[in-house]
N, C-alpha and C. Protein backbone atom coordinates (compact mmCIF):
# COMPACT_ATOMS: atom_id res chain seq x y z
N UNK A 1 0.98 -1.25 0.05
CA UNK A 1 -0.03 0.04 0.10
C UNK A 1 0.80 1.04 0.05
N UNK A 2 1.99 1.40 0.80
CA UNK A 2 2.71 2.35 0.52
C UNK A 2 3.37 2.86 -0.56
N UNK A 3 3.72 1.82 -1.48
CA UNK A 3 4.50 2.15 -2.67
C UNK A 3 3.14 2.75 -3.54
N UNK A 4 2.04 2.57 -3.51
CA UNK A 4 0.93 3.29 -4.25
C UNK A 4 0.66 4.58 -3.76
N UNK A 5 0.93 4.89 -2.59
CA UNK A 5 0.66 6.26 -1.88
C UNK A 5 1.81 7.19 -2.46
N UNK A 6 2.74 6.67 -2.55
CA UNK A 6 3.68 7.75 -3.02
C UNK A 6 3.96 7.97 -4.53
N UNK A 7 2.97 7.52 -5.26
CA UNK A 7 2.93 7.78 -6.76
C UNK A 7 2.66 9.51 -7.06
N UNK A 8 2.88 10.03 -8.11
CA UNK A 8 2.86 11.24 -8.54
C UNK A 8 1.42 11.51 -8.33
N UNK A 9 0.61 10.76 -9.01
CA UNK A 9 -1.01 10.91 -9.09
C UNK A 9 -1.48 10.95 -7.66
N UNK A 10 -1.11 10.43 -6.76
CA UNK A 10 -1.53 10.66 -5.53
C UNK A 10 -1.15 11.99 -4.96
N UNK A 11 0.11 12.23 -5.16
CA UNK A 11 0.61 13.52 -4.53
C UNK A 11 -0.29 14.71 -5.04
N UNK A 12 -0.44 14.60 -6.54
CA UNK A 12 -1.13 15.97 -7.13
C UNK A 12 -2.33 15.85 -6.69
N UNK A 13 -3.16 14.58 -6.39
CA UNK A 13 -4.61 14.77 -5.80
C UNK A 13 -4.79 15.00 -4.48
N UNK A 14 -3.60 15.09 -3.72
CA UNK A 14 -3.46 15.54 -2.22
C UNK A 14 -3.36 16.82 -2.32
N UNK A 15 -2.85 17.61 -3.12
CA UNK A 15 -2.43 19.11 -3.24
C UNK A 15 -3.71 19.55 -3.70
N UNK A 16 -4.46 18.69 -4.80
CA UNK A 16 -5.80 19.57 -5.21
C UNK A 16 -6.80 19.30 -3.65
N UNK A 17 -6.87 18.21 -3.26
CA UNK A 17 -7.58 18.10 -2.02
C UNK A 17 -7.40 19.38 -1.03
N UNK A 18 -6.00 19.40 -0.82
CA UNK A 18 -5.81 20.79 0.24
C UNK A 18 -6.26 22.12 -0.21
N UNK A 19 -6.08 22.38 -1.31
CA UNK A 19 -6.30 23.75 -1.93
C UNK A 19 -7.65 23.83 -1.88
N UNK A 20 -8.51 22.85 -2.47
CA UNK A 20 -10.13 22.65 -2.20
C UNK A 20 -10.56 22.94 -0.77
N UNK A 21 -9.89 22.38 0.06
CA UNK A 21 -10.17 22.35 1.44
C UNK A 21 -10.08 23.71 2.12
N UNK A 22 -9.05 24.49 1.72
CA UNK A 22 -8.64 25.69 2.06
C UNK A 22 -9.54 26.72 1.66
N UNK A 23 -10.11 26.53 0.51
CA UNK A 23 -10.98 27.28 0.08
C UNK A 23 -12.33 27.10 0.51
N UNK A 24 -12.71 25.82 0.73
CA UNK A 24 -13.78 25.80 1.73
C UNK A 24 -13.88 26.13 2.97
N UNK A 25 -12.64 26.38 3.73
CA UNK A 25 -12.56 26.84 5.12
C UNK A 25 -12.74 28.45 5.01
N UNK A 26 -12.06 29.15 3.99
CA UNK A 26 -12.36 30.29 3.64
C UNK A 26 -13.77 30.62 3.57
N UNK A 27 -14.62 29.99 2.75
CA UNK A 27 -15.86 30.11 2.71
C UNK A 27 -16.66 30.22 4.25
N UNK A 28 -16.19 29.27 4.90
CA UNK A 28 -16.91 28.89 6.36
C UNK A 28 -16.61 30.15 7.21
N UNK A 29 -15.24 30.54 7.16
CA UNK A 29 -14.89 31.72 8.11
C UNK A 29 -15.44 33.24 7.47
N UNK A 30 -15.89 33.28 6.15
CA UNK A 30 -16.62 34.60 5.72
C UNK A 30 -18.10 34.48 6.24
N UNK A 31 -18.57 33.49 6.98
CA UNK A 31 -19.89 33.10 7.22
C UNK A 31 -20.70 33.01 6.11
N UNK A 32 -20.31 32.55 4.94
CA UNK A 32 -21.13 32.36 3.95
C UNK A 32 -22.05 30.95 3.94
N UNK A 33 -23.23 31.14 3.46
CA UNK A 33 -24.37 30.09 3.68
C UNK A 33 -23.64 28.85 2.74
N UNK A 34 -22.57 29.09 1.97
CA UNK A 34 -22.12 27.78 1.17
C UNK A 34 -20.77 27.11 2.00
N UNK A 35 -20.74 27.67 3.36
CA UNK A 35 -19.49 27.24 3.83
C UNK A 35 -19.41 25.89 4.46
N UNK A 36 -20.52 25.74 5.18
CA UNK A 36 -20.53 24.50 5.86
C UNK A 36 -20.85 23.30 4.82
N UNK A 37 -21.70 23.68 3.81
CA UNK A 37 -21.70 22.57 2.73
C UNK A 37 -20.60 22.32 2.19
N UNK A 38 -19.66 23.18 1.47
CA UNK A 38 -18.61 22.99 0.92
C UNK A 38 -17.34 22.44 1.63
N UNK A 39 -17.32 22.61 2.75
CA UNK A 39 -16.34 21.79 3.83
C UNK A 39 -16.90 20.42 4.00
N UNK A 40 -18.23 19.95 4.04
CA UNK A 40 -18.55 18.78 3.98
C UNK A 40 -18.38 17.97 2.85
N UNK A 41 -18.74 18.54 1.61
CA UNK A 41 -18.50 17.89 0.47
C UNK A 41 -17.22 17.77 0.02
N UNK A 42 -16.06 18.74 0.26
CA UNK A 42 -14.84 18.59 -0.02
C UNK A 42 -14.08 17.47 0.96
N UNK A 43 -14.44 17.42 2.21
CA UNK A 43 -14.07 16.29 3.09
C UNK A 43 -14.69 14.60 2.69
N UNK A 44 -15.75 14.76 2.21
CA UNK A 44 -16.44 13.55 2.24
C UNK A 44 -15.96 13.18 0.73
N UNK A 45 -16.08 13.90 -0.35
CA UNK A 45 -15.57 13.53 -1.67
C UNK A 45 -14.19 13.30 -1.92
N UNK A 46 -13.45 14.23 -1.50
CA UNK A 46 -12.02 14.36 -1.40
C UNK A 46 -11.21 13.48 -0.30
N UNK A 47 -11.84 12.85 0.54
CA UNK A 47 -11.65 11.55 1.49
C UNK A 47 -11.66 10.34 0.58
N UNK A 48 -13.00 10.11 0.04
CA UNK A 48 -13.14 9.09 -0.63
C UNK A 48 -12.10 8.86 -1.99
N UNK A 49 -11.93 9.95 -2.53
CA UNK A 49 -11.17 9.88 -3.74
C UNK A 49 -9.77 9.51 -3.47
N UNK A 50 -9.29 9.93 -2.28
CA UNK A 50 -8.01 9.76 -1.90
C UNK A 50 -7.59 8.32 -1.21
N UNK A 51 -8.82 7.98 -0.71
CA UNK A 51 -8.85 6.27 -0.16
C UNK A 51 -8.87 5.56 -1.34
N UNK A 52 -9.71 5.91 -2.46
CA UNK A 52 -9.44 5.10 -3.53
C UNK A 52 -8.06 4.89 -4.24
N UNK A 53 -7.37 6.08 -4.26
CA UNK A 53 -6.12 6.17 -4.51
C UNK A 53 -4.91 5.37 -3.88
N UNK A 54 -5.29 5.12 -2.48
CA UNK A 54 -4.45 4.46 -1.45
C UNK A 54 -4.68 2.99 -1.80
N UNK A 55 -5.82 2.57 -2.27
CA UNK A 55 -6.09 1.10 -2.46
C UNK A 55 -5.68 0.63 -3.60
N UNK A 56 -5.34 1.85 -4.76
CA UNK A 56 -4.70 1.39 -6.21
C UNK A 56 -3.34 1.16 -6.15
N UNK A 57 -2.85 0.06 -6.97
CA UNK A 57 -1.54 -0.18 -7.31
C UNK A 57 -1.47 -0.71 -8.54
N UNK A 58 0.00 -1.09 -8.92
CA UNK A 58 -0.06 -1.95 -9.97
C UNK A 58 0.58 -3.52 -9.59
N UNK A 59 0.45 -4.00 -10.60
CA UNK A 59 1.09 -5.28 -10.24
C UNK A 59 2.59 -5.52 -10.26
N UNK A 60 3.24 -4.77 -10.61
CA UNK A 60 4.90 -4.51 -10.35
C UNK A 60 5.06 -4.26 -9.07
N UNK A 61 4.41 -3.33 -8.38
CA UNK A 61 4.70 -2.95 -6.88
C UNK A 61 4.14 -3.85 -5.85
N UNK A 62 2.89 -4.53 -6.13
CA UNK A 62 2.22 -5.48 -5.16
C UNK A 62 2.59 -6.81 -5.43
N UNK A 63 2.77 -7.40 -6.58
CA UNK A 63 2.72 -8.89 -6.62
C UNK A 63 4.39 -9.14 -7.21
N UNK A 64 4.98 -8.34 -8.17
CA UNK A 64 6.47 -8.50 -8.61
C UNK A 64 7.41 -7.65 -8.14
N UNK A 65 7.24 -7.34 -6.83
CA UNK A 65 8.28 -6.67 -6.06
C UNK A 65 9.34 -7.41 -5.94
N UNK A 66 9.39 -8.62 -5.74
CA UNK A 66 10.72 -9.35 -5.50
C UNK A 66 11.63 -9.71 -6.95
N UNK A 67 10.94 -9.30 -7.94
CA UNK A 67 11.68 -9.71 -9.21
C UNK A 67 12.15 -8.46 -9.68
N UNK A 68 13.32 -8.14 -9.81
CA UNK A 68 13.87 -6.84 -10.35
C UNK A 68 14.42 -7.18 -11.66
N UNK A 69 14.90 -5.94 -12.13
CA UNK A 69 15.80 -6.23 -13.50
C UNK A 69 17.00 -6.74 -13.21
N UNK A 70 17.85 -6.79 -12.20
CA UNK A 70 18.87 -7.40 -11.92
C UNK A 70 18.80 -8.86 -11.72
N UNK A 71 17.57 -9.18 -11.33
CA UNK A 71 17.60 -10.47 -10.51
C UNK A 71 17.79 -11.69 -11.79
N UNK A 72 18.11 -12.82 -11.25
CA UNK A 72 18.35 -13.95 -12.09
C UNK A 72 17.03 -15.01 -11.84
N UNK A 73 16.46 -15.05 -12.75
CA UNK A 73 15.40 -16.06 -12.82
C UNK A 73 15.78 -17.65 -13.13
N UNK A 74 15.87 -18.21 -12.14
CA UNK A 74 16.39 -19.74 -12.67
C UNK A 74 15.25 -20.61 -13.44
N UNK A 75 14.11 -20.52 -12.58
CA UNK A 75 13.10 -21.16 -13.44
C UNK A 75 11.67 -20.71 -12.84
N UNK A 76 10.73 -21.21 -13.93
CA UNK A 76 9.24 -20.80 -13.49
C UNK A 76 8.50 -22.28 -13.60
N UNK A 77 7.88 -22.66 -12.38
CA UNK A 77 7.00 -23.45 -12.57
C UNK A 77 5.15 -23.35 -12.51
N UNK A 78 4.77 -23.65 -13.38
CA UNK A 78 3.12 -23.36 -13.36
C UNK A 78 2.53 -24.49 -13.10
N UNK A 79 1.49 -24.38 -11.99
CA UNK A 79 0.57 -25.17 -11.75
C UNK A 79 -0.84 -24.95 -11.99
N UNK A 80 -1.58 -25.62 -12.68
CA UNK A 80 -2.91 -25.49 -12.59
C UNK A 80 -3.81 -26.02 -11.79
N UNK A 81 -4.72 -25.04 -11.18
CA UNK A 81 -5.46 -25.46 -10.18
C UNK A 81 -6.94 -25.97 -10.60
N UNK A 82 -7.34 -26.61 -9.78
CA UNK A 82 -8.72 -27.20 -9.81
C UNK A 82 -9.55 -27.15 -8.56
N UNK A 83 -10.63 -26.51 -8.69
CA UNK A 83 -11.41 -26.31 -7.61
C UNK A 83 -12.70 -27.31 -7.35
N UNK A 84 -12.36 -28.34 -6.46
CA UNK A 84 -13.59 -29.20 -6.34
C UNK A 84 -14.00 -29.13 -4.89
N UNK A 85 -15.28 -29.20 -4.92
CA UNK A 85 -16.16 -29.00 -3.56
C UNK A 85 -15.68 -27.63 -2.91
N UNK A 86 -14.66 -27.66 -1.93
CA UNK A 86 -14.56 -26.50 -1.28
C UNK A 86 -12.87 -26.11 -1.24
N UNK A 87 -12.28 -27.06 -1.89
CA UNK A 87 -10.85 -26.90 -1.79
C UNK A 87 -10.39 -27.02 -3.29
N UNK A 88 -8.88 -26.45 -3.13
CA UNK A 88 -7.88 -26.43 -4.46
C UNK A 88 -7.27 -27.73 -4.53
N UNK A 89 -7.08 -28.31 -5.71
CA UNK A 89 -6.20 -29.15 -5.65
C UNK A 89 -5.04 -29.06 -7.01
N UNK A 90 -4.06 -29.71 -7.10
CA UNK A 90 -3.15 -29.30 -8.12
C UNK A 90 -3.47 -30.25 -9.13
N UNK A 91 -3.75 -29.84 -10.62
CA UNK A 91 -4.14 -30.55 -11.58
C UNK A 91 -3.07 -31.09 -12.31
N UNK A 92 -2.36 -30.32 -13.11
CA UNK A 92 -1.00 -30.35 -13.83
C UNK A 92 -0.10 -29.39 -13.69
N UNK A 93 0.86 -29.62 -14.28
CA UNK A 93 2.35 -28.45 -13.87
C UNK A 93 3.09 -28.84 -15.05
N UNK A 94 3.87 -27.79 -15.21
CA UNK A 94 5.00 -27.72 -16.17
C UNK A 94 6.27 -26.67 -15.75
N UNK A 95 7.51 -27.17 -15.79
CA UNK A 95 8.58 -26.39 -15.49
C UNK A 95 9.19 -25.72 -16.59
N UNK A 96 9.37 -24.33 -16.48
CA UNK A 96 9.77 -23.66 -17.64
C UNK A 96 11.14 -22.87 -17.27
N UNK A 97 12.03 -23.30 -18.01
CA UNK A 97 13.61 -22.84 -17.80
C UNK A 97 14.08 -22.02 -18.99
N UNK A 98 13.34 -21.91 -19.97
CA UNK A 98 13.74 -20.82 -20.99
C UNK A 98 13.26 -19.54 -20.56
N UNK A 99 14.46 -18.55 -20.59
CA UNK A 99 14.18 -17.38 -20.18
C UNK A 99 13.53 -16.31 -20.88
N UNK A 100 13.31 -16.73 -22.11
CA UNK A 100 12.46 -15.88 -23.07
C UNK A 100 11.22 -16.01 -22.55
N UNK A 101 10.63 -17.29 -22.41
CA UNK A 101 9.35 -17.54 -22.29
C UNK A 101 8.91 -16.90 -20.77
N UNK A 102 9.93 -17.22 -19.81
CA UNK A 102 9.72 -16.68 -18.38
C UNK A 102 9.46 -15.13 -18.59
N UNK A 103 10.36 -14.43 -19.43
CA UNK A 103 9.97 -13.02 -19.23
C UNK A 103 9.04 -12.76 -20.15
N UNK A 104 8.52 -13.39 -20.83
CA UNK A 104 7.09 -13.11 -21.63
C UNK A 104 5.76 -13.19 -20.77
N UNK A 105 5.75 -14.34 -19.80
CA UNK A 105 5.04 -14.57 -18.56
C UNK A 105 4.93 -13.28 -17.72
N UNK A 106 6.28 -13.08 -17.44
CA UNK A 106 6.31 -11.74 -16.43
C UNK A 106 5.89 -10.51 -17.20
N UNK A 107 6.13 -10.14 -18.37
CA UNK A 107 5.78 -9.21 -19.16
C UNK A 107 4.07 -9.01 -19.05
N UNK A 108 3.46 -10.14 -19.33
CA UNK A 108 2.14 -10.07 -19.28
C UNK A 108 1.49 -9.59 -17.90
N UNK A 109 2.18 -10.31 -16.99
CA UNK A 109 1.91 -9.82 -15.61
C UNK A 109 2.09 -8.30 -15.10
N UNK A 110 3.06 -7.89 -15.90
CA UNK A 110 3.41 -6.61 -15.39
C UNK A 110 2.58 -5.31 -15.84
N UNK A 111 2.51 -4.31 -15.32
CA UNK A 111 1.89 -3.23 -15.61
C UNK A 111 0.23 -3.24 -15.42
N UNK A 112 -0.35 -4.30 -14.89
CA UNK A 112 -1.48 -4.64 -14.52
C UNK A 112 -1.93 -3.35 -13.38
N UNK A 113 -3.30 -2.88 -13.44
CA UNK A 113 -3.86 -1.83 -12.88
C UNK A 113 -4.71 -2.87 -11.69
N UNK A 114 -4.44 -2.69 -10.33
CA UNK A 114 -4.81 -3.45 -9.47
C UNK A 114 -5.80 -2.70 -8.37
N UNK A 115 -6.91 -3.42 -7.85
CA UNK A 115 -7.31 -2.63 -6.74
C UNK A 115 -7.30 -3.92 -5.52
N UNK A 116 -6.95 -3.24 -4.31
CA UNK A 116 -6.95 -4.00 -3.09
C UNK A 116 -8.47 -4.36 -2.90
N UNK A 117 -8.72 -5.76 -3.04
CA UNK A 117 -10.05 -6.23 -2.85
C UNK A 117 -10.17 -7.70 -2.62
N UNK A 118 -10.21 -8.25 -1.40
CA UNK A 118 -10.16 -9.53 -1.19
C UNK A 118 -11.09 -10.52 -2.11
N UNK A 119 -10.74 -11.21 -2.34
CA UNK A 119 -11.65 -12.01 -3.25
C UNK A 119 -12.41 -12.91 -2.57
N UNK A 120 -13.64 -12.58 -2.38
CA UNK A 120 -14.74 -13.24 -1.51
C UNK A 120 -15.21 -14.63 -2.08
N UNK A 121 -15.14 -15.15 -3.40
CA UNK A 121 -15.60 -16.21 -4.04
C UNK A 121 -14.63 -17.34 -4.23
N UNK A 122 -14.63 -18.35 -3.54
CA UNK A 122 -13.71 -19.46 -3.74
C UNK A 122 -13.91 -19.95 -5.26
N UNK A 123 -12.81 -20.39 -5.77
CA UNK A 123 -12.76 -20.76 -6.91
C UNK A 123 -12.20 -19.87 -8.06
N UNK A 124 -11.72 -18.91 -7.69
CA UNK A 124 -11.47 -17.85 -8.67
C UNK A 124 -9.96 -17.98 -9.31
N UNK A 125 -9.01 -18.97 -8.61
CA UNK A 125 -7.81 -18.81 -8.97
C UNK A 125 -7.65 -20.08 -10.34
N UNK A 126 -6.79 -19.80 -11.11
CA UNK A 126 -6.61 -20.90 -12.01
C UNK A 126 -5.12 -21.42 -12.16
N UNK A 127 -4.15 -20.62 -11.64
CA UNK A 127 -2.64 -21.08 -11.81
C UNK A 127 -1.82 -20.47 -10.61
N UNK A 128 -1.03 -21.20 -10.00
CA UNK A 128 0.00 -20.79 -9.03
C UNK A 128 1.52 -20.91 -9.85
N UNK A 129 2.08 -19.79 -9.87
CA UNK A 129 3.28 -19.61 -10.43
C UNK A 129 4.42 -19.49 -9.46
N UNK A 130 5.44 -20.51 -9.28
CA UNK A 130 6.53 -20.48 -8.52
C UNK A 130 7.67 -20.10 -9.10
N UNK A 131 8.16 -19.18 -8.93
CA UNK A 131 9.30 -18.26 -9.65
C UNK A 131 10.51 -18.50 -8.72
N UNK A 132 11.85 -19.22 -9.20
CA UNK A 132 12.92 -19.31 -8.56
C UNK A 132 13.80 -18.06 -8.67
N UNK A 133 13.97 -17.42 -8.10
CA UNK A 133 14.78 -16.00 -8.36
C UNK A 133 15.85 -15.79 -7.23
N UNK A 134 17.05 -15.49 -7.89
CA UNK A 134 18.09 -15.15 -7.24
C UNK A 134 18.47 -13.73 -7.65
N UNK A 135 18.89 -13.03 -6.18
CA UNK A 135 18.91 -11.38 -6.19
C UNK A 135 20.24 -11.31 -5.42
N UNK A 136 21.21 -10.44 -5.79
CA UNK A 136 22.40 -10.09 -5.09
C UNK A 136 22.03 -9.14 -3.85
N UNK A 137 22.70 -9.51 -2.88
CA UNK A 137 22.44 -8.78 -1.64
C UNK A 137 23.47 -8.74 -0.70
N UNK A 138 24.19 -7.69 -0.43
CA UNK A 138 25.60 -7.41 0.41
C UNK A 138 26.49 -8.55 -0.03
N UNK A 139 27.05 -8.66 -1.21
CA UNK A 139 27.82 -9.56 -1.69
C UNK A 139 27.59 -11.03 -1.57
N UNK A 140 26.17 -11.37 -1.33
CA UNK A 140 25.74 -12.86 -1.33
C UNK A 140 24.49 -12.78 -2.26
N UNK A 141 24.42 -13.98 -2.99
CA UNK A 141 23.41 -14.06 -3.70
C UNK A 141 22.06 -14.93 -3.05
N UNK A 142 21.02 -14.41 -2.89
CA UNK A 142 20.11 -14.79 -2.24
C UNK A 142 18.86 -15.56 -2.94
N UNK A 143 18.84 -16.63 -2.83
CA UNK A 143 17.73 -17.48 -3.92
C UNK A 143 16.55 -17.63 -3.06
N UNK A 144 15.34 -17.34 -3.59
CA UNK A 144 14.18 -17.66 -3.10
C UNK A 144 13.22 -17.83 -3.93
N UNK A 145 12.03 -18.59 -3.45
CA UNK A 145 10.73 -18.82 -4.21
C UNK A 145 9.73 -17.64 -4.08
N UNK A 146 9.11 -17.04 -5.28
CA UNK A 146 8.26 -15.97 -5.17
C UNK A 146 7.09 -16.93 -5.86
N UNK A 147 6.06 -16.71 -4.95
CA UNK A 147 4.67 -17.43 -5.44
C UNK A 147 3.59 -16.55 -5.88
N UNK A 148 3.01 -16.59 -7.10
CA UNK A 148 1.85 -15.81 -7.43
C UNK A 148 0.63 -16.53 -7.83
N UNK A 149 -0.58 -16.37 -7.36
CA UNK A 149 -1.56 -16.99 -7.64
C UNK A 149 -2.45 -16.13 -8.56
N UNK A 150 -2.59 -16.85 -9.56
CA UNK A 150 -3.29 -15.84 -10.77
C UNK A 150 -4.56 -16.42 -11.19
N UNK A 151 -5.47 -15.64 -11.42
CA UNK A 151 -6.85 -15.94 -11.97
C UNK A 151 -7.22 -14.93 -13.15
N UNK A 152 -8.42 -15.27 -13.69
CA UNK A 152 -8.83 -14.33 -14.60
C UNK A 152 -9.23 -13.01 -14.21
N UNK A 153 -9.69 -12.97 -12.75
CA UNK A 153 -10.08 -11.55 -12.29
C UNK A 153 -9.17 -11.02 -11.07
N UNK A 154 -8.61 -12.08 -10.38
CA UNK A 154 -7.96 -11.77 -9.18
C UNK A 154 -6.28 -12.38 -9.29
N UNK A 155 -5.43 -11.72 -8.58
CA UNK A 155 -4.02 -12.06 -8.47
C UNK A 155 -3.77 -12.34 -7.09
N UNK A 156 -3.30 -13.21 -6.46
CA UNK A 156 -3.05 -13.45 -5.18
C UNK A 156 -4.25 -13.33 -4.26
N UNK A 157 -5.53 -13.53 -4.61
CA UNK A 157 -6.91 -13.31 -4.30
C UNK A 157 -6.95 -12.08 -3.41
N UNK A 158 -6.09 -10.97 -3.40
CA UNK A 158 -6.25 -9.81 -2.74
C UNK A 158 -6.24 -8.75 -3.43
N UNK A 159 -5.77 -8.65 -4.81
CA UNK A 159 -5.94 -7.85 -5.65
C UNK A 159 -6.63 -8.19 -7.08
N UNK A 160 -7.89 -7.21 -7.05
CA UNK A 160 -8.86 -7.24 -8.33
C UNK A 160 -8.16 -6.79 -9.54
N UNK A 161 -8.06 -7.09 -10.53
CA UNK A 161 -7.72 -6.60 -11.79
C UNK A 161 -8.49 -5.85 -12.45
N UNK A 162 -8.02 -4.38 -12.87
CA UNK A 162 -9.05 -3.77 -13.12
C UNK A 162 -8.39 -2.97 -14.57
N UNK A 163 -7.53 -3.53 -15.10
CA UNK A 163 -7.03 -3.13 -16.31
C UNK A 163 -7.52 -4.24 -17.67
N UNK A 164 -7.43 -4.04 -18.66
CA UNK A 164 -7.83 -4.57 -19.86
C UNK A 164 -7.00 -5.64 -20.60
N UNK A 165 -5.75 -5.73 -19.81
CA UNK A 165 -4.74 -6.41 -20.63
C UNK A 165 -4.87 -7.81 -20.48
N UNK A 166 -4.85 -8.66 -21.42
CA UNK A 166 -4.54 -10.01 -21.18
C UNK A 166 -3.41 -10.79 -20.52
N UNK A 167 -3.53 -11.01 -19.21
CA UNK A 167 -2.58 -11.03 -18.54
C UNK A 167 -2.19 -12.83 -18.50
N UNK A 168 -3.08 -13.51 -19.04
CA UNK A 168 -2.92 -15.12 -18.99
C UNK A 168 -2.32 -15.48 -20.54
N UNK A 169 -2.22 -14.44 -21.49
CA UNK A 169 -1.75 -14.87 -22.82
C UNK A 169 -0.80 -15.91 -23.00
N UNK A 170 0.40 -15.67 -22.51
CA UNK A 170 1.35 -16.64 -22.70
C UNK A 170 1.11 -17.93 -21.98
N UNK A 171 0.53 -18.10 -20.87
CA UNK A 171 0.26 -19.18 -20.18
C UNK A 171 -0.68 -19.98 -21.07
N UNK A 172 -1.73 -19.37 -21.41
CA UNK A 172 -2.67 -20.10 -22.15
C UNK A 172 -2.13 -20.75 -23.58
N UNK A 173 -1.25 -20.23 -24.07
CA UNK A 173 -0.28 -20.39 -25.27
C UNK A 173 0.24 -21.48 -25.04
N UNK A 174 1.10 -21.65 -23.86
CA UNK A 174 1.86 -22.83 -23.20
C UNK A 174 0.76 -24.14 -22.94
N UNK A 175 -0.40 -23.95 -22.64
CA UNK A 175 -1.09 -24.90 -22.63
C UNK A 175 -1.49 -25.75 -23.84
N UNK A 176 -1.29 -25.03 -25.07
CA UNK A 176 -1.50 -25.91 -26.19
C UNK A 176 -0.21 -26.22 -26.69
N UNK A 177 1.00 -25.78 -26.15
CA UNK A 177 2.16 -25.94 -26.91
C UNK A 177 2.96 -26.89 -26.34
N UNK A 178 2.88 -27.12 -24.84
CA UNK A 178 3.86 -27.87 -24.04
C UNK A 178 3.05 -29.20 -23.40
N UNK A 179 3.98 -30.11 -23.37
CA UNK A 179 3.20 -31.47 -22.54
C UNK A 179 3.15 -30.70 -20.94
N UNK A 180 2.09 -31.00 -20.31
CA UNK A 180 1.80 -30.81 -19.04
C UNK A 180 1.97 -32.02 -18.09
N UNK A 181 2.64 -32.03 -17.02
CA UNK A 181 2.66 -33.47 -16.31
C UNK A 181 1.78 -33.35 -15.37
N UNK A 182 1.08 -34.61 -14.84
CA UNK A 182 0.23 -34.63 -13.89
C UNK A 182 0.94 -34.49 -12.53
N UNK A 183 0.16 -33.72 -11.72
CA UNK A 183 0.59 -33.37 -10.46
C UNK A 183 2.10 -33.51 -10.42
């Protein structure tokens, strides 16, 4: 949430909100009939708009924050999820080590506009992506696993996708091109 707060758009919105609030308070101090109404409107509408800006983010900041330009991506495992009854199970999986394909998948997932909104409906996830990533930190190479849960409408069940980009394009192409292994 902090990364989305510090965007230029949010700062400009904050300045506009401040200017409108100062103008409304000046009307209030002049004992104008519109003073109290303008203060209430500015606070309510401006507060809602600022709150909306705070919960907005991008996939780069929220989901792909552990994958940097200088990161070494060793592999990407994609697991298909199946929702049966009330639980998820892994149906099929594929391990991708070709750097070009991994970059295409990450490119599809980057730049998405997201809203923090917990997915309340079970069964909305289609894939789990496990990315084996190495990052240089204090003269030591740290290797870890980044897990991303992806569906048609949500990422990680916390972020609703509000952009129109086809973020599953490369994964859908892989479903037809490569042989998936059972569990």
